Amino acid sequence: MTMPPMLDPARHALFLDFDGTLVELQDDPQAVRVATEDLDRLIELQSRLNNAFAVLSGRRIADLDRFLSPLRFAAAGVHGLERREAAGAETVHLAGPSMLDPVREALRMPLAAEPGLRLEDKGTALVVHYRGRPELKVMADRVADEAVRGVADLSVMRGHDIVEIHIAGMDKGRALASFMTQDPFRERVPVYLGDDTTDEFAFAEVARLGGIGVKVGPGESVASHRLAAVDSVHRWLALEPDADGGAN
C-alpha cells in the first residue's frame, strides 16, 4: 500500500472513522480530545468539500457531536444503525435497544465475575471492552459468543481490544453506500479513512465504487493506501494542491 493521493475537494467525498483515525485510542473512550487546530481544519475541509463529508463510527452520533463540536456533519453511528443524512438533520435510529435485552441479561453475570471486562451499552449495540488487558481477549470473545447463542439477527464484530454485538444487516460499508446515493455525495469519488477491522466493510465498498481506501496504522487490509498513524492523518488532511497539482 502507498501514500494516498491528495484530497481533491472538487471531486472527492470524504468519509472518516473516529477512534484510531481522527483521535488516538484511549483506555477510557470518554477521555479522547480533538485538538483545536485539527477541528478547525475539519470545519474548513467540510466547507471546501461542499458538505460531501461524513463521519462513520462505532460510537453514537450524540457522542461524536460532543467531541467534534462546533462541527455539524453527516454521520453514521453504531456502524450505521444510527444515521444522520446531512449536517443539522435529524438522527434516525434503524433499530430499537429492546432487541438486545436477552444479550444484556446473558452478559450480566459473566461481566460481574471479571472486573477486567467492561460493558459499554450504546442502546443498539453492546461493546465488551478489555483495553489494557490483552490476556482477556479469549474470555471476551467467548462471553460475547455465548451471549448471542440462540438469539437471531445479531452480529458479533471484533476490533481493537473490543468485541461488539449489534443488530445484523448493517455495517460501515452499507452506510457509506447509502450516503453515495444522495447529494452532496452523489457523483463524487469516495475516500474513506479507518484503522480497525470494522472499517474493512467500508474499504471494500469504496473499492467497488472506484474510490480510495486508506488504512491507518499497521495490519492487513483490503485498502489501497496507508497512513502510519493519527498524526499522519492530520498532516495528510492539511495538504493542499498548488498551481502545478502538487502539495505545498
C-alpha atoms as a PDB file:
ATOM      1  CA  MET A   1       0.000   0.000   0.000  1.00  0.00           C
ATOM      2  CA  THR A   2       1.143   3.532  -0.776  1.00  0.00           C
ATOM      3  CA  MET A   3       0.607   7.077   0.452  1.00  0.00           C
ATOM      4  CA  PRO A   4      -2.854   8.242  -0.664  1.00  0.00           C
ATOM      5  CA  PRO A   5      -3.143  10.929  -3.317  1.00  0.00           C
ATOM      6  CA  MET A   6      -4.078  14.397  -2.158  1.00  0.00           C
ATOM      7  CA  LEU A   7      -7.695  15.092  -1.373  1.00  0.00           C
ATOM      8  CA  ASP A   8      -9.422  16.965  -4.199  1.00  0.00           C
ATOM      9  CA  PRO A   9     -12.364  18.913  -2.729  1.00  0.00           C
ATOM     10  CA  ALA A  10     -13.855  19.433  -6.191  1.00  0.00           C
ATOM     11  CA  ARG A  11     -14.378  15.720  -6.883  1.00  0.00           C
ATOM     12  CA  HIS A  12     -13.900  13.680  -3.701  1.00  0.00           C
ATOM     13  CA  ALA A  13     -16.355  12.764  -0.939  1.00  0.00           C
ATOM     14  CA  LEU A  14     -14.560  12.293   2.385  1.00  0.00           C
ATOM     15  CA  PHE A  15     -15.596   9.673   4.967  1.00  0.00           C
ATOM     16  CA  LEU A  16     -13.697   9.398   8.250  1.00  0.00           C
ATOM     17  CA  ASP A  17     -13.655   6.882  11.069  1.00  0.00           C
ATOM     18  CA  PHE A  18     -13.217   8.493  14.507  1.00  0.00           C
ATOM     19  CA  ASP A  19     -11.287   6.411  17.079  1.00  0.00           C
ATOM     20  CA  GLY A  20      -7.834   5.451  15.863  1.00  0.00           C
ATOM     21  CA  THR A  21      -8.209   7.716  12.818  1.00  0.00           C
ATOM     22  CA  LEU A  22      -9.092  11.233  13.972  1.00  0.00           C
ATOM     23  CA  VAL A  23      -8.134  10.626  17.609  1.00  0.00           C
ATOM     24  CA  GLU A  24      -5.737   8.268  19.364  1.00  0.00           C
ATOM     25  CA  LEU A  25      -7.231   5.220  21.060  1.00  0.00           C
ATOM     26  CA  GLN A  26      -7.648   5.678  24.818  1.00  0.00           C
ATOM     27  CA  ASP A  27      -8.240   3.241  27.677  1.00  0.00           C
ATOM     28  CA  ASP A  28     -11.178   5.463  28.636  1.00  0.00           C
ATOM     29  CA  PRO A  29     -13.222   6.152  25.455  1.00  0.00           C
ATOM     30  CA  GLN A  30     -14.612   9.323  27.015  1.00  0.00           C
ATOM     31  CA  ALA A  31     -11.113  10.772  27.516  1.00  0.00           C
ATOM     32  CA  VAL A  32     -10.393  11.452  23.831  1.00  0.00           C
ATOM     33  CA  ARG A  33      -9.925  15.027  22.676  1.00  0.00           C
ATOM     34  CA  VAL A  34      -9.740  16.646  19.237  1.00  0.00           C
ATOM     35  CA  ALA A  35      -7.114  19.395  19.082  1.00  0.00           C
ATOM     36  CA  THR A  36      -8.497  22.834  18.238  1.00  0.00           C
ATOM     37  CA  GLU A  37      -6.324  23.165  15.140  1.00  0.00           C
ATOM     38  CA  ASP A  38      -7.469  19.752  13.891  1.00  0.00           C
ATOM     39  CA  LEU A  39     -11.104  20.638  14.461  1.00  0.00           C
ATOM     40  CA  ASP A  40     -10.659  23.954  12.623  1.00  0.00           C
ATOM     41  CA  ARG A  41      -9.146  22.048   9.703  1.00  0.00           C
ATOM     42  CA  LEU A  42     -12.126  19.686   9.545  1.00  0.00           C
ATOM     43  CA  ILE A  43     -14.547  22.608   9.531  1.00  0.00           C
ATOM     44  CA  GLU A  44     -12.634  24.205   6.660  1.00  0.00           C
ATOM     45  CA  LEU A  45     -12.434  20.905   4.763  1.00  0.00           C
ATOM     46  CA  GLN A  46     -16.163  20.323   5.083  1.00  0.00           C
ATOM     47  CA  SER A  47     -16.792  23.719   3.527  1.00  0.00           C
ATOM     48  CA  ARG A  48     -14.338  23.118   0.680  1.00  0.00           C
ATOM     49  CA  LEU A  49     -15.947  19.714   0.013  1.00  0.00           C
ATOM     50  CA  ASN A  50     -19.350  21.394  -0.292  1.00  0.00           C
ATOM     51  CA  ASN A  51     -20.516  19.240   2.662  1.00  0.00           C
ATOM     52  CA  ALA A  52     -19.534  15.939   0.987  1.00  0.00           C
ATOM     53  CA  PHE A  53     -18.081  14.962   4.363  1.00  0.00           C
ATOM     54  CA  ALA A  54     -19.257  12.360   6.883  1.00  0.00           C
ATOM     55  CA  VAL A  55     -18.017  10.578   9.993  1.00  0.00           C
ATOM     56  CA  LEU A  56     -18.672   6.820  10.162  1.00  0.00           C
ATOM     57  CA  SER A  57     -18.079   5.382  13.607  1.00  0.00           C
ATOM     58  CA  GLY A  58     -18.950   2.675  16.079  1.00  0.00           C
ATOM     59  CA  ARG A  59     -19.774   5.473  18.515  1.00  0.00           C
ATOM     60  CA  ARG A  60     -23.208   7.009  18.929  1.00  0.00           C
ATOM     61  CA  ILE A  61     -23.782  10.168  16.911  1.00  0.00           C
ATOM     62  CA  ALA A  62     -24.526  12.080  20.122  1.00  0.00           C
ATOM     63  CA  ASP A  63     -21.007  11.246  21.359  1.00  0.00           C
ATOM     64  CA  LEU A  64     -19.443  12.308  18.050  1.00  0.00           C
ATOM     65  CA  ASP A  65     -21.294  15.623  18.272  1.00  0.00           C
ATOM     66  CA  ARG A  66     -19.873  16.239  21.719  1.00  0.00           C
ATOM     67  CA  PHE A  67     -16.280  15.522  20.701  1.00  0.00           C
ATOM     68  CA  LEU A  68     -16.437  17.401  17.382  1.00  0.00           C
ATOM     69  CA  SER A  69     -18.473  20.466  18.427  1.00  0.00           C
ATOM     70  CA  PRO A  70     -18.989  23.020  16.877  1.00  0.00           C
ATOM     71  CA  LEU A  71     -18.610  20.989  13.656  1.00  0.00           C
ATOM     72  CA  ARG A  72     -22.019  19.918  12.287  1.00  0.00           C
ATOM     73  CA  PHE A  73     -21.808  16.993   9.899  1.00  0.00           C
ATOM     74  CA  ALA A  74     -23.435  13.990   8.274  1.00  0.00           C
ATOM     75  CA  ALA A  75     -22.775  10.818  10.244  1.00  0.00           C
ATOM     76  CA  ALA A  76     -23.359   7.115  10.665  1.00  0.00           C
ATOM     77  CA  GLY A  77     -23.131   5.956  14.273  1.00  0.00           C
ATOM     78  CA  VAL A  78     -23.056   2.467  15.812  1.00  0.00           C
ATOM     79  CA  HIS A  79     -21.737   1.134  12.461  1.00  0.00           C
ATOM     80  CA  GLY A  80     -24.706   2.564  10.570  1.00  0.00           C
ATOM     81  CA  LEU A  81     -27.548   1.711  12.962  1.00  0.00           C
ATOM     82  CA  GLU A  82     -27.837   5.453  13.601  1.00  0.00           C
ATOM     83  CA  ARG A  83     -27.891   7.727  10.584  1.00  0.00           C
ATOM     84  CA  ARG A  84     -27.862  11.489  10.010  1.00  0.00           C
ATOM     85  CA  GLU A  85     -28.030  12.202   6.310  1.00  0.00           C
ATOM     86  CA  ALA A  86     -26.847  15.822   6.471  1.00  0.00           C
ATOM     87  CA  ALA A  87     -25.488  18.420   8.886  1.00  0.00           C
ATOM     88  CA  GLY A  88     -28.356  19.625  11.059  1.00  0.00           C
ATOM     89  CA  ALA A  89     -30.707  16.801  10.029  1.00  0.00           C
ATOM     90  CA  GLU A  90     -32.468  14.523  12.499  1.00  0.00           C
ATOM     91  CA  THR A  91     -30.705  11.374  13.677  1.00  0.00           C
ATOM     92  CA  VAL A  92     -32.621   8.280  12.588  1.00  0.00           C
ATOM     93  CA  HIS A  93     -32.333   5.029  14.581  1.00  0.00           C
ATOM     94  CA  LEU A  94     -32.659   1.922  12.419  1.00  0.00           C
ATOM     95  CA  ALA A  95     -33.279  -0.448  15.350  1.00  0.00           C
ATOM     96  CA  GLY A  96     -34.517  -0.297  18.927  1.00  0.00           C
ATOM     97  CA  PRO A  97     -32.469  -1.148  22.053  1.00  0.00           C
ATOM     98  CA  SER A  98     -35.003  -3.698  23.290  1.00  0.00           C
ATOM     99  CA  MET A  99     -33.799  -6.182  20.649  1.00  0.00           C
ATOM    100  CA  LEU A 100     -30.630  -6.630  22.710  1.00  0.00           C
ATOM    101  CA  ASP A 101     -32.321  -7.227  26.070  1.00  0.00           C
ATOM    102  CA  PRO A 102     -31.672 -11.022  26.054  1.00  0.00           C
ATOM    103  CA  VAL A 103     -27.980 -10.356  25.393  1.00  0.00           C
ATOM    104  CA  ARG A 104     -27.785  -7.758  28.161  1.00  0.00           C
ATOM    105  CA  GLU A 105     -29.118 -10.344  30.597  1.00  0.00           C
ATOM    106  CA  ALA A 106     -26.733 -13.039  29.320  1.00  0.00           C
ATOM    107  CA  LEU A 107     -23.737 -10.715  29.764  1.00  0.00           C
ATOM    108  CA  ARG A 108     -24.644  -9.538  33.263  1.00  0.00           C
ATOM    109  CA  MET A 109     -23.176 -12.357  35.363  1.00  0.00           C
ATOM    110  CA  PRO A 110     -20.010 -13.111  33.298  1.00  0.00           C
ATOM    111  CA  LEU A 111     -19.001  -9.453  33.290  1.00  0.00           C
ATOM    112  CA  ALA A 112     -19.691  -9.071  37.001  1.00  0.00           C
ATOM    113  CA  ALA A 113     -17.352 -12.022  37.624  1.00  0.00           C
ATOM    114  CA  GLU A 114     -14.444 -10.435  35.711  1.00  0.00           C
ATOM    115  CA  PRO A 115     -13.810  -6.746  36.550  1.00  0.00           C
ATOM    116  CA  GLY A 116     -11.270  -6.500  33.716  1.00  0.00           C
ATOM    117  CA  LEU A 117     -14.106  -6.721  31.210  1.00  0.00           C
ATOM    118  CA  ARG A 118     -16.261  -3.601  30.869  1.00  0.00           C
ATOM    119  CA  LEU A 119     -19.596  -3.234  29.105  1.00  0.00           C
ATOM    120  CA  GLU A 120     -20.477  -0.161  27.054  1.00  0.00           C
ATOM    121  CA  ASP A 121     -24.190  -0.066  26.258  1.00  0.00           C
ATOM    122  CA  LYS A 122     -24.901   2.020  23.149  1.00  0.00           C
ATOM    123  CA  GLY A 123     -28.572   1.121  23.067  1.00  0.00           C
ATOM    124  CA  THR A 124     -28.476  -0.537  19.659  1.00  0.00           C
ATOM    125  CA  ALA A 125     -25.093  -2.169  20.310  1.00  0.00           C
ATOM    126  CA  LEU A 126     -23.244  -3.697  23.266  1.00  0.00           C
ATOM    127  CA  VAL A 127     -19.463  -3.472  23.467  1.00  0.00           C
ATOM    128  CA  VAL A 128     -17.277  -5.613  25.728  1.00  0.00           C
ATOM    129  CA  HIS A 129     -14.017  -3.715  26.343  1.00  0.00           C
ATOM    130  CA  TYR A 130     -10.750  -5.282  27.514  1.00  0.00           C
ATOM    131  CA  ARG A 131      -8.335  -2.440  26.685  1.00  0.00           C
ATOM    132  CA  GLY A 132      -5.170  -2.697  28.720  1.00  0.00           C
ATOM    133  CA  ARG A 133      -5.903  -6.369  29.456  1.00  0.00           C
ATOM    134  CA  PRO A 134      -4.930  -8.285  26.285  1.00  0.00           C
ATOM    135  CA  GLU A 135      -4.876 -11.546  28.241  1.00  0.00           C
ATOM    136  CA  LEU A 136      -8.682 -11.265  28.481  1.00  0.00           C
ATOM    137  CA  LYS A 137      -9.268 -11.388  24.715  1.00  0.00           C
ATOM    138  CA  VAL A 138     -10.164 -15.083  24.666  1.00  0.00           C
ATOM    139  CA  MET A 139     -12.576 -14.608  27.568  1.00  0.00           C
ATOM    140  CA  ALA A 140     -14.192 -11.554  25.941  1.00  0.00           C
ATOM    141  CA  ASP A 141     -14.679 -13.455  22.684  1.00  0.00           C
ATOM    142  CA  ARG A 142     -16.192 -16.434  24.498  1.00  0.00           C
ATOM    143  CA  VAL A 143     -18.510 -14.327  26.661  1.00  0.00           C
ATOM    144  CA  ALA A 144     -19.846 -12.458  23.610  1.00  0.00           C
ATOM    145  CA  ASP A 145     -20.312 -15.612  21.537  1.00  0.00           C
ATOM    146  CA  GLU A 146     -22.173 -17.348  24.360  1.00  0.00           C
ATOM    147  CA  ALA A 147     -24.379 -14.300  24.966  1.00  0.00           C
ATOM    148  CA  VAL A 148     -25.682 -14.243  21.371  1.00  0.00           C
ATOM    149  CA  ARG A 149     -26.194 -18.009  21.083  1.00  0.00           C
ATOM    150  CA  GLY A 150     -29.788 -18.696  20.162  1.00  0.00           C
ATOM    151  CA  VAL A 151     -30.600 -15.002  19.545  1.00  0.00           C
ATOM    152  CA  ALA A 152     -31.434 -14.298  15.898  1.00  0.00           C
ATOM    153  CA  ASP A 153     -30.367 -11.382  13.696  1.00  0.00           C
ATOM    154  CA  LEU A 154     -27.304 -10.320  15.662  1.00  0.00           C
ATOM    155  CA  SER A 155     -23.732  -9.713  14.510  1.00  0.00           C
ATOM    156  CA  VAL A 156     -20.522 -10.014  16.539  1.00  0.00           C
ATOM    157  CA  MET A 157     -17.595  -7.862  15.383  1.00  0.00           C
ATOM    158  CA  ARG A 158     -14.103  -7.814  16.856  1.00  0.00           C
ATOM    159  CA  GLY A 159     -11.950  -4.692  16.900  1.00  0.00           C
ATOM    160  CA  HIS A 160      -9.065  -3.130  18.803  1.00  0.00           C
ATOM    161  CA  ASP A 161      -9.494  -4.523  22.339  1.00  0.00           C
ATOM    162  CA  ILE A 162     -13.262  -4.808  21.968  1.00  0.00           C
ATOM    163  CA  VAL A 163     -15.985  -7.246  20.985  1.00  0.00           C
ATOM    164  CA  GLU A 164     -19.161  -5.578  19.729  1.00  0.00           C
ATOM    165  CA  ILE A 165     -22.622  -7.078  19.419  1.00  0.00           C
ATOM    166  CA  HIS A 166     -25.223  -5.295  17.322  1.00  0.00           C
ATOM    167  CA  ILE A 167     -28.209  -5.851  15.080  1.00  0.00           C
ATOM    168  CA  ALA A 168     -27.209  -7.692  11.893  1.00  0.00           C
ATOM    169  CA  GLY A 169     -27.639  -6.276   8.403  1.00  0.00           C
ATOM    170  CA  MET A 170     -25.734  -3.020   8.801  1.00  0.00           C
ATOM    171  CA  ASP A 171     -22.070  -2.044   8.662  1.00  0.00           C
ATOM    172  CA  LYS A 172     -19.947   0.940   7.634  1.00  0.00           C
ATOM    173  CA  GLY A 173     -19.807  -0.228   4.026  1.00  0.00           C
ATOM    174  CA  ARG A 174     -23.586  -0.234   3.704  1.00  0.00           C
ATOM    175  CA  ALA A 175     -23.791   3.137   5.433  1.00  0.00           C
ATOM    176  CA  LEU A 176     -21.236   4.607   3.013  1.00  0.00           C
ATOM    177  CA  ALA A 177     -23.092   3.143   0.028  1.00  0.00           C
ATOM    178  CA  SER A 178     -26.299   4.818   1.205  1.00  0.00           C
ATOM    179  CA  PHE A 179     -24.598   8.217   1.506  1.00  0.00           C
ATOM    180  CA  MET A 180     -23.182   7.866  -2.004  1.00  0.00           C
ATOM    181  CA  THR A 181     -26.697   7.689  -3.498  1.00  0.00           C
ATOM    182  CA  GLN A 182     -27.560  11.152  -2.168  1.00  0.00           C
ATOM    183  CA  ASP A 183     -26.452  14.739  -2.664  1.00  0.00           C
ATOM    184  CA  PRO A 184     -23.894  16.149  -1.998  1.00  0.00           C
ATOM    185  CA  PHE A 185     -22.027  12.804  -2.155  1.00  0.00           C
ATOM    186  CA  ARG A 186     -23.573  11.556  -5.393  1.00  0.00           C
ATOM    187  CA  GLU A 187     -21.268  11.509  -8.467  1.00  0.00           C
ATOM    188  CA  ARG A 188     -18.160  12.126  -6.355  1.00  0.00           C
ATOM    189  CA  VAL A 189     -15.283   9.706  -5.721  1.00  0.00           C
ATOM    190  CA  PRO A 190     -15.443   8.286  -2.173  1.00  0.00           C
ATOM    191  CA  VAL A 191     -12.365   8.457   0.061  1.00  0.00           C
ATOM    192  CA  TYR A 192     -12.517   6.504   3.335  1.00  0.00           C
ATOM    193  CA  LEU A 193     -10.006   6.518   6.221  1.00  0.00           C
ATOM    194  CA  GLY A 194     -10.164   3.962   9.029  1.00  0.00           C
ATOM    195  CA  ASP A 195      -7.951   1.872  11.280  1.00  0.00           C
ATOM    196  CA  ASP A 196      -9.889  -1.158  12.513  1.00  0.00           C
ATOM    197  CA  THR A 197     -11.286  -4.455  11.271  1.00  0.00           C
ATOM    198  CA  THR A 198     -14.765  -2.904  11.307  1.00  0.00           C
ATOM    199  CA  ASP A 199     -13.560  -0.446   8.642  1.00  0.00           C
ATOM    200  CA  GLU A 200     -12.863  -3.245   6.165  1.00  0.00           C
ATOM    201  CA  PHE A 201     -16.529  -3.214   5.117  1.00  0.00           C
ATOM    202  CA  ALA A 202     -16.144   0.429   4.079  1.00  0.00           C
ATOM    203  CA  PHE A 203     -12.837  -0.239   2.311  1.00  0.00           C
ATOM    204  CA  ALA A 204     -14.495  -2.991   0.270  1.00  0.00           C
ATOM    205  CA  GLU A 205     -17.389  -0.720  -0.684  1.00  0.00           C
ATOM    206  CA  VAL A 206     -15.049   2.125  -1.639  1.00  0.00           C
ATOM    207  CA  ALA A 207     -13.100  -0.260  -3.882  1.00  0.00           C
ATOM    208  CA  ARG A 208     -16.348  -1.366  -5.537  1.00  0.00           C
ATOM    209  CA  LEU A 209     -17.203   2.280  -6.235  1.00  0.00           C
ATOM    210  CA  GLY A 210     -13.749   3.048  -7.667  1.00  0.00           C
ATOM    211  CA  GLY A 211     -12.714   5.164  -4.686  1.00  0.00           C
ATOM    212  CA  ILE A 212      -9.749   5.393  -2.333  1.00  0.00           C
ATOM    213  CA  GLY A 213      -9.431   3.366   0.870  1.00  0.00           C
ATOM    214  CA  VAL A 214      -6.806   4.470   3.390  1.00  0.00           C
ATOM    215  CA  LYS A 215      -5.793   2.113   6.201  1.00  0.00           C
ATOM    216  CA  VAL A 216      -4.480   3.960   9.255  1.00  0.00           C
ATOM    217  CA  GLY A 217      -1.774   2.084  11.143  1.00  0.00           C
ATOM    218  CA  PRO A 218      -0.463  -1.476  10.778  1.00  0.00           C
ATOM    219  CA  GLY A 219      -2.277  -4.654   9.827  1.00  0.00           C
ATOM    220  CA  GLU A 220      -3.575  -6.404   6.747  1.00  0.00           C
ATOM    221  CA  SER A 221      -6.324  -4.624   4.838  1.00  0.00           C
ATOM    222  CA  VAL A 222      -8.145  -4.505   1.528  1.00  0.00           C
ATOM    223  CA  ALA A 223      -7.486  -0.745   1.466  1.00  0.00           C
ATOM    224  CA  SER A 224      -5.401   0.534  -1.429  1.00  0.00           C
ATOM    225  CA  HIS A 225      -3.393   3.083   0.562  1.00  0.00           C
ATOM    226  CA  ARG A 226      -1.970   3.538   4.054  1.00  0.00           C
ATOM    227  CA  LEU A 227      -1.118   6.265   6.564  1.00  0.00           C
ATOM    228  CA  ALA A 228       1.060   5.384   9.548  1.00  0.00           C
ATOM    229  CA  ALA A 229      -0.890   6.899  12.449  1.00  0.00           C
ATOM    230  CA  VAL A 230      -3.387   9.526  13.615  1.00  0.00           C
ATOM    231  CA  ASP A 231      -0.878  12.366  13.294  1.00  0.00           C
ATOM    232  CA  SER A 232      -0.208  11.234   9.705  1.00  0.00           C
ATOM    233  CA  VAL A 233      -3.938  11.556   9.002  1.00  0.00           C
ATOM    234  CA  HIS A 234      -3.994  15.170  10.153  1.00  0.00           C
ATOM    235  CA  ARG A 235      -0.874  16.024   8.176  1.00  0.00           C
ATOM    236  CA  TRP A 236      -2.431  14.493   5.057  1.00  0.00           C
ATOM    237  CA  LEU A 237      -5.689  16.377   5.591  1.00  0.00           C
ATOM    238  CA  ALA A 238      -3.672  19.602   5.799  1.00  0.00           C
ATOM    239  CA  LEU A 239      -2.127  19.127   2.328  1.00  0.00           C
ATOM    240  CA  GLU A 240      -3.352  21.474  -0.357  1.00  0.00           C
ATOM    241  CA  PRO A 241      -2.717  21.301  -4.116  1.00  0.00           C
ATOM    242  CA  ASP A 242      -0.527  24.036  -5.558  1.00  0.00           C
ATOM    243  CA  ALA A 243      -0.886  25.526  -9.020  1.00  0.00           C
ATOM    244  CA  ASP A 244       1.044  22.603 -10.571  1.00  0.00           C
ATOM    245  CA  GLY A 245      -1.106  19.952  -8.872  1.00  0.00           C
ATOM    246  CA  GLY A 246       1.488  19.094  -6.234  1.00  0.00           C
ATOM    247  CA  ALA A 247       1.429  19.583  -2.485  1.00  0.00           C
ATOM    248  CA  ASN A 248       2.506  22.715  -0.720  1.00  0.00           C
END
